[in-house]
């Protein structure tokens, strides 16, 4: 597993948290929540792709 995925998740988390704080301070709580949800979806798609690759590797390893 490459360590770049951890850095990508951390970068998305930092970006989303900064945007969230800026939007909350501006009084736009709804947009802040949507930004948080969008960040969560981006990270989940990335993680799901890697989990799928893990399952394919295990499946290939055991010839299933």
PDB file of N, CA and C in Angstrom:
ATOM      1  N   UNK A   1       0.846  -1.186   0.000  1.00  0.00           N
ATOM      2  CA  UNK A   1       0.000   0.000   0.000  1.00  0.00           C
ATOM      3  C   UNK A   1       0.885   1.242   0.000  1.00  0.00           C
ATOM      4  N   UNK A   2       0.500   2.170  -0.792  1.00  0.00           N
ATOM      5  CA  UNK A   2       1.269   3.395  -0.920  1.00  0.00           C
ATOM      6  C   UNK A   2       0.829   4.389   0.155  1.00  0.00           C
ATOM      7  N   UNK A   3       1.758   5.141   0.673  1.00  0.00           N
ATOM      8  CA  UNK A   3       1.456   6.099   1.736  1.00  0.00           C
ATOM      9  C   UNK A   3       0.770   7.352   1.192  1.00  0.00           C
ATOM     10  N   UNK A   4       0.750   7.510  -0.125  1.00  0.00           N
ATOM     11  CA  UNK A   4       0.128   8.689  -0.724  1.00  0.00           C
ATOM     12  C   UNK A   4      -1.361   8.778  -0.421  1.00  0.00           C
ATOM     13  N   UNK A   5      -2.033   7.638  -0.285  1.00  0.00           N
ATOM     14  CA  UNK A   5      -3.463   7.662   0.018  1.00  0.00           C
ATOM     15  C   UNK A   5      -3.714   8.301   1.374  1.00  0.00           C
ATOM     16  N   UNK A   6      -2.828   8.069   2.327  1.00  0.00           N
ATOM     17  CA  UNK A   6      -2.983   8.678   3.652  1.00  0.00           C
ATOM     18  C   UNK A   6      -2.822  10.189   3.553  1.00  0.00           C
ATOM     19  N   UNK A   7      -1.854  10.632   2.759  1.00  0.00           N
ATOM     20  CA  UNK A   7      -1.653  12.064   2.572  1.00  0.00           C
ATOM     21  C   UNK A   7      -2.830  12.704   1.834  1.00  0.00           C
ATOM     22  N   UNK A   8      -3.401  11.994   0.877  1.00  0.00           N
ATOM     23  CA  UNK A   8      -4.564  12.518   0.154  1.00  0.00           C
ATOM     24  C   UNK A   8      -5.758  12.674   1.083  1.00  0.00           C
ATOM     25  N   UNK A   9      -5.999  11.683   1.926  1.00  0.00           N
ATOM     26  CA  UNK A   9      -7.113  11.763   2.877  1.00  0.00           C
ATOM     27  C   UNK A   9      -6.882  12.903   3.858  1.00  0.00           C
ATOM     28  N   UNK A  10      -5.652  13.048   4.326  1.00  0.00           N
ATOM     29  CA  UNK A  10      -5.339  14.136   5.251  1.00  0.00           C
ATOM     30  C   UNK A  10      -5.520  15.500   4.585  1.00  0.00           C
ATOM     31  N   UNK A  11      -5.110  15.619   3.331  1.00  0.00           N
ATOM     32  CA  UNK A  11      -5.253  16.890   2.610  1.00  0.00           C
ATOM     33  C   UNK A  11      -6.720  17.245   2.418  1.00  0.00           C
ATOM     34  N   UNK A  12      -7.536  16.260   2.066  1.00  0.00           N
ATOM     35  CA  UNK A  12      -8.971  16.517   1.911  1.00  0.00           C
ATOM     36  C   UNK A  12      -9.569  16.921   3.256  1.00  0.00           C
ATOM     37  N   UNK A  13      -9.162  16.255   4.318  1.00  0.00           N
ATOM     38  CA  UNK A  13      -9.665  16.592   5.650  1.00  0.00           C
ATOM     39  C   UNK A  13      -9.307  18.004   6.071  1.00  0.00           C
ATOM     40  N   UNK A  14      -8.072  18.397   5.831  1.00  0.00           N
ATOM     41  CA  UNK A  14      -7.644  19.756   6.188  1.00  0.00           C
ATOM     42  C   UNK A  14      -8.389  20.788   5.352  1.00  0.00           C
ATOM     43  N   UNK A  15      -8.503  20.553   4.055  1.00  0.00           N
ATOM     44  CA  UNK A  15      -9.207  21.480   3.177  1.00  0.00           C
ATOM     45  C   UNK A  15     -10.672  21.627   3.574  1.00  0.00           C
ATOM     46  N   UNK A  16     -11.324  20.514   3.863  1.00  0.00           N
ATOM     47  CA  UNK A  16     -12.730  20.550   4.249  1.00  0.00           C
ATOM     48  C   UNK A  16     -12.907  21.254   5.586  1.00  0.00           C
ATOM     49  N   UNK A  17     -12.014  21.015   6.524  1.00  0.00           N
ATOM     50  CA  UNK A  17     -12.159  21.667   7.823  1.00  0.00           C
ATOM     51  C   UNK A  17     -11.955  23.179   7.732  1.00  0.00           C
ATOM     52  N   UNK A  18     -11.010  23.616   6.895  1.00  0.00           N
ATOM     53  CA  UNK A  18     -10.804  25.062   6.718  1.00  0.00           C
ATOM     54  C   UNK A  18     -12.025  25.695   6.045  1.00  0.00           C
ATOM     55  N   UNK A  19     -12.517  25.050   4.979  1.00  0.00           N
ATOM     56  CA  UNK A  19     -13.710  25.572   4.308  1.00  0.00           C
ATOM     57  C   UNK A  19     -14.915  25.582   5.244  1.00  0.00           C
ATOM     58  N   UNK A  20     -15.027  24.550   6.044  1.00  0.00           N
ATOM     59  CA  UNK A  20     -16.129  24.469   6.998  1.00  0.00           C
ATOM     60  C   UNK A  20     -16.092  25.639   7.984  1.00  0.00           C
ATOM     61  N   UNK A  21     -14.935  25.910   8.533  1.00  0.00           N
ATOM     62  CA  UNK A  21     -14.812  27.016   9.496  1.00  0.00           C
ATOM     63  C   UNK A  21     -15.085  28.374   8.845  1.00  0.00           C
ATOM     64  N   UNK A  22     -14.589  28.554   7.629  1.00  0.00           N
ATOM     65  CA  UNK A  22     -14.819  29.824   6.926  1.00  0.00           C
ATOM     66  C   UNK A  22     -16.313  30.022   6.672  1.00  0.00           C
ATOM     67  N   UNK A  23     -16.978  28.961   6.220  1.00  0.00           N
ATOM     68  CA  UNK A  23     -18.405  29.078   5.922  1.00  0.00           C
ATOM     69  C   UNK A  23     -19.240  29.272   7.190  1.00  0.00           C
ATOM     70  N   UNK A  24     -18.866  28.620   8.268  1.00  0.00           N
ATOM     71  CA  UNK A  24     -19.599  28.817   9.527  1.00  0.00           C
ATOM     72  C   UNK A  24     -19.433  30.246  10.021  1.00  0.00           C
ATOM     73  N   UNK A  25     -18.220  30.781   9.942  1.00  0.00           N
ATOM     74  CA  UNK A  25     -17.982  32.172  10.379  1.00  0.00           C
ATOM     75  C   UNK A  25     -18.750  33.173   9.507  1.00  0.00           C
ATOM     76  N   UNK A  26     -18.988  32.800   8.246  1.00  0.00           N
ATOM     77  CA  UNK A  26     -19.733  33.680   7.351  1.00  0.00           C
ATOM     78  C   UNK A  26     -21.241  33.525   7.520  1.00  0.00           C
ATOM     79  N   UNK A  27     -21.662  32.603   8.384  1.00  0.00           N
ATOM     80  CA  UNK A  27     -23.081  32.415   8.629  1.00  0.00           C
ATOM     81  C   UNK A  27     -23.762  31.506   7.625  1.00  0.00           C
ATOM     82  N   UNK A  28     -23.007  30.699   6.939  1.00  0.00           N
ATOM     83  CA  UNK A  28     -23.569  29.792   5.928  1.00  0.00           C
ATOM     84  C   UNK A  28     -23.401  28.348   6.403  1.00  0.00           C
ATOM     85  N   UNK A  29     -24.171  28.002   7.415  1.00  0.00           N
ATOM     86  CA  UNK A  29     -24.063  26.677   8.009  1.00  0.00           C
ATOM     87  C   UNK A  29     -24.482  25.566   7.046  1.00  0.00           C
ATOM     88  N   UNK A  30     -25.482  25.846   6.197  1.00  0.00           N
ATOM     89  CA  UNK A  30     -25.946  24.818   5.257  1.00  0.00           C
ATOM     90  C   UNK A  30     -24.857  24.461   4.248  1.00  0.00           C
ATOM     91  N   UNK A  31     -24.189  25.468   3.730  1.00  0.00           N
ATOM     92  CA  UNK A  31     -23.104  25.209   2.780  1.00  0.00           C
ATOM     93  C   UNK A  31     -21.931  24.513   3.473  1.00  0.00           C
ATOM     94  N   UNK A  32     -21.703  24.847   4.734  1.00  0.00           N
ATOM     95  CA  UNK A  32     -20.632  24.189   5.489  1.00  0.00           C
ATOM     96  C   UNK A  32     -20.927  22.702   5.641  1.00  0.00           C
ATOM     97  N   UNK A  33     -22.170  22.364   5.927  1.00  0.00           N
ATOM     98  CA  UNK A  33     -22.548  20.966   6.059  1.00  0.00           C
ATOM     99  C   UNK A  33     -22.411  20.245   4.723  1.00  0.00           C
ATOM    100  N   UNK A  34     -22.830  20.879   3.641  1.00  0.00           N
ATOM    101  CA  UNK A  34     -22.709  20.259   2.316  1.00  0.00           C
ATOM    102  C   UNK A  34     -21.245  20.074   1.922  1.00  0.00           C
ATOM    103  N   UNK A  35     -20.400  21.008   2.303  1.00  0.00           N
ATOM    104  CA  UNK A  35     -18.971  20.875   2.032  1.00  0.00           C
ATOM    105  C   UNK A  35     -18.391  19.684   2.786  1.00  0.00           C
ATOM    106  N   UNK A  36     -18.805  19.523   4.034  1.00  0.00           N
ATOM    107  CA  UNK A  36     -18.355  18.387   4.824  1.00  0.00           C
ATOM    108  C   UNK A  36     -18.817  17.074   4.213  1.00  0.00           C
ATOM    109  N   UNK A  37     -20.069  17.018   3.782  1.00  0.00           N
ATOM    110  CA  UNK A  37     -20.576  15.806   3.153  1.00  0.00           C
ATOM    111  C   UNK A  37     -19.861  15.502   1.847  1.00  0.00           C
ATOM    112  N   UNK A  38     -19.566  16.525   1.068  1.00  0.00           N
ATOM    113  CA  UNK A  38     -18.844  16.322  -0.188  1.00  0.00           C
ATOM    114  C   UNK A  38     -17.440  15.778   0.075  1.00  0.00           C
ATOM    115  N   UNK A  39     -16.773  16.299   1.076  1.00  0.00           N
ATOM    116  CA  UNK A  39     -15.448  15.783   1.444  1.00  0.00           C
ATOM    117  C   UNK A  39     -15.517  14.334   1.889  1.00  0.00           C
ATOM    118  N   UNK A  40     -16.549  13.995   2.640  1.00  0.00           N
ATOM    119  CA  UNK A  40     -16.727  12.619   3.088  1.00  0.00           C
ATOM    120  C   UNK A  40     -16.945  11.681   1.904  1.00  0.00           C
ATOM    121  N   UNK A  41     -17.741  12.108   0.936  1.00  0.00           N
ATOM    122  CA  UNK A  41     -18.006  11.287  -0.244  1.00  0.00           C
ATOM    123  C   UNK A  41     -16.726  11.081  -1.056  1.00  0.00           C
ATOM    124  N   UNK A  42     -15.926  12.114  -1.208  1.00  0.00           N
ATOM    125  CA  UNK A  42     -14.671  12.000  -1.958  1.00  0.00           C
ATOM    126  C   UNK A  42     -13.744  10.991  -1.289  1.00  0.00           C
ATOM    127  N   UNK A  43     -13.621  11.082   0.026  1.00  0.00           N
ATOM    128  CA  UNK A  43     -12.748  10.157   0.756  1.00  0.00           C
ATOM    129  C   UNK A  43     -13.302   8.736   0.689  1.00  0.00           C
ATOM    130  N   UNK A  44     -14.614   8.571   0.825  1.00  0.00           N
ATOM    131  CA  UNK A  44     -15.202   7.237   0.772  1.00  0.00           C
ATOM    132  C   UNK A  44     -14.993   6.577  -0.586  1.00  0.00           C
ATOM    133  N   UNK A  45     -15.143   7.329  -1.673  1.00  0.00           N
ATOM    134  CA  UNK A  45     -14.902   6.757  -2.995  1.00  0.00           C
ATOM    135  C   UNK A  45     -13.453   6.305  -3.138  1.00  0.00           C
ATOM    136  N   UNK A  46     -12.535   7.084  -2.616  1.00  0.00           N
ATOM    137  CA  UNK A  46     -11.128   6.712  -2.687  1.00  0.00           C
ATOM    138  C   UNK A  46     -10.851   5.458  -1.864  1.00  0.00           C
ATOM    139  N   UNK A  47     -11.407   5.399  -0.669  1.00  0.00           N
ATOM    140  CA  UNK A  47     -11.185   4.243   0.197  1.00  0.00           C
ATOM    141  C   UNK A  47     -11.854   2.997  -0.377  1.00  0.00           C
ATOM    142  N   UNK A  48     -13.042   3.143  -0.930  1.00  0.00           N
ATOM    143  CA  UNK A  48     -13.744   1.998  -1.505  1.00  0.00           C
ATOM    144  C   UNK A  48     -12.955   1.418  -2.675  1.00  0.00           C
ATOM    145  N   UNK A  49     -12.346   2.269  -3.469  1.00  0.00           N
ATOM    146  CA  UNK A  49     -11.515   1.791  -4.579  1.00  0.00           C
ATOM    147  C   UNK A  49     -10.349   0.952  -4.061  1.00  0.00           C
ATOM    148  N   UNK A  50      -9.721   1.405  -2.994  1.00  0.00           N
ATOM    149  CA  UNK A  50      -8.582   0.670  -2.447  1.00  0.00           C
ATOM    150  C   UNK A  50      -9.030  -0.630  -1.776  1.00  0.00           C
ATOM    151  N   UNK A  51     -10.173  -0.616  -1.126  1.00  0.00           N
ATOM    152  CA  UNK A  51     -10.692  -1.839  -0.513  1.00  0.00           C
ATOM    153  C   UNK A  51     -11.044  -2.855  -1.593  1.00  0.00           C
ATOM    154  N   UNK A  52     -11.602  -2.389  -2.693  1.00  0.00           N
ATOM    155  CA  UNK A  52     -11.899  -3.281  -3.805  1.00  0.00           C
ATOM    156  C   UNK A  52     -10.621  -3.922  -4.343  1.00  0.00           C
ATOM    157  N   UNK A  53      -9.573  -3.140  -4.483  1.00  0.00           N
ATOM    158  CA  UNK A  53      -8.290  -3.688  -4.939  1.00  0.00           C
ATOM    159  C   UNK A  53      -7.747  -4.715  -3.940  1.00  0.00           C
ATOM    160  N   UNK A  54      -7.935  -4.464  -2.654  1.00  0.00           N
ATOM    161  CA  UNK A  54      -7.497  -5.406  -1.630  1.00  0.00           C
ATOM    162  C   UNK A  54      -8.240  -6.730  -1.770  1.00  0.00           C
ATOM    163  N   UNK A  55      -9.557  -6.687  -1.931  1.00  0.00           N
ATOM    164  CA  UNK A  55     -10.338  -7.909  -2.073  1.00  0.00           C
ATOM    165  C   UNK A  55      -9.970  -8.666  -3.342  1.00  0.00           C
ATOM    166  N   UNK A  56      -9.717  -7.944  -4.419  1.00  0.00           N
ATOM    167  CA  UNK A  56      -9.303  -8.608  -5.657  1.00  0.00           C
ATOM    168  C   UNK A  56      -7.951  -9.292  -5.489  1.00  0.00           C
ATOM    169  N   UNK A  57      -7.050  -8.662  -4.772  1.00  0.00           N
ATOM    170  CA  UNK A  57      -5.737  -9.255  -4.527  1.00  0.00           C
ATOM    171  C   UNK A  57      -5.856 -10.502  -3.664  1.00  0.00           C
ATOM    172  N   UNK A  58      -6.665 -10.448  -2.621  1.00  0.00           N
ATOM    173  CA  UNK A  58      -6.858 -11.613  -1.751  1.00  0.00           C
ATOM    174  C   UNK A  58      -7.520 -12.741  -2.530  1.00  0.00           C
ATOM    175  N   UNK A  59      -8.480 -12.391  -3.347  1.00  0.00           N
ATOM    176  CA  UNK A  59      -9.170 -13.389  -4.159  1.00  0.00           C
ATOM    177  C   UNK A  59      -8.200 -14.072  -5.137  1.00  0.00           C
ATOM    178  N   UNK A  60      -7.355 -13.273  -5.740  1.00  0.00           N
ATOM    179  CA  UNK A  60      -6.372 -13.816  -6.673  1.00  0.00           C
ATOM    180  C   UNK A  60      -5.327 -14.653  -5.943  1.00  0.00           C
ATOM    181  N   UNK A  61      -4.961 -14.245  -4.742  1.00  0.00           N
ATOM    182  CA  UNK A  61      -3.963 -14.945  -3.961  1.00  0.00           C
ATOM    183  C   UNK A  61      -4.424 -16.345  -3.594  1.00  0.00           C
ATOM    184  N   UNK A  62      -5.684 -16.489  -3.224  1.00  0.00           N
ATOM    185  CA  UNK A  62      -6.228 -17.782  -2.823  1.00  0.00           C
ATOM    186  C   UNK A  62      -6.946 -18.508  -3.962  1.00  0.00           C
ATOM    187  N   UNK A  63      -6.850 -17.986  -5.148  1.00  0.00           N
ATOM    188  CA  UNK A  63      -7.470 -18.598  -6.340  1.00  0.00           C
ATOM    189  C   UNK A  63      -8.952 -18.862  -6.149  1.00  0.00           C
ATOM    190  N   UNK A  64      -9.670 -17.880  -5.683  1.00  0.00           N
ATOM    191  CA  UNK A  64     -11.121 -18.034  -5.478  1.00  0.00           C
ATOM    192  C   UNK A  64     -11.893 -17.525  -6.662  1.00  0.00           C
TER     193      UNK A  64
END
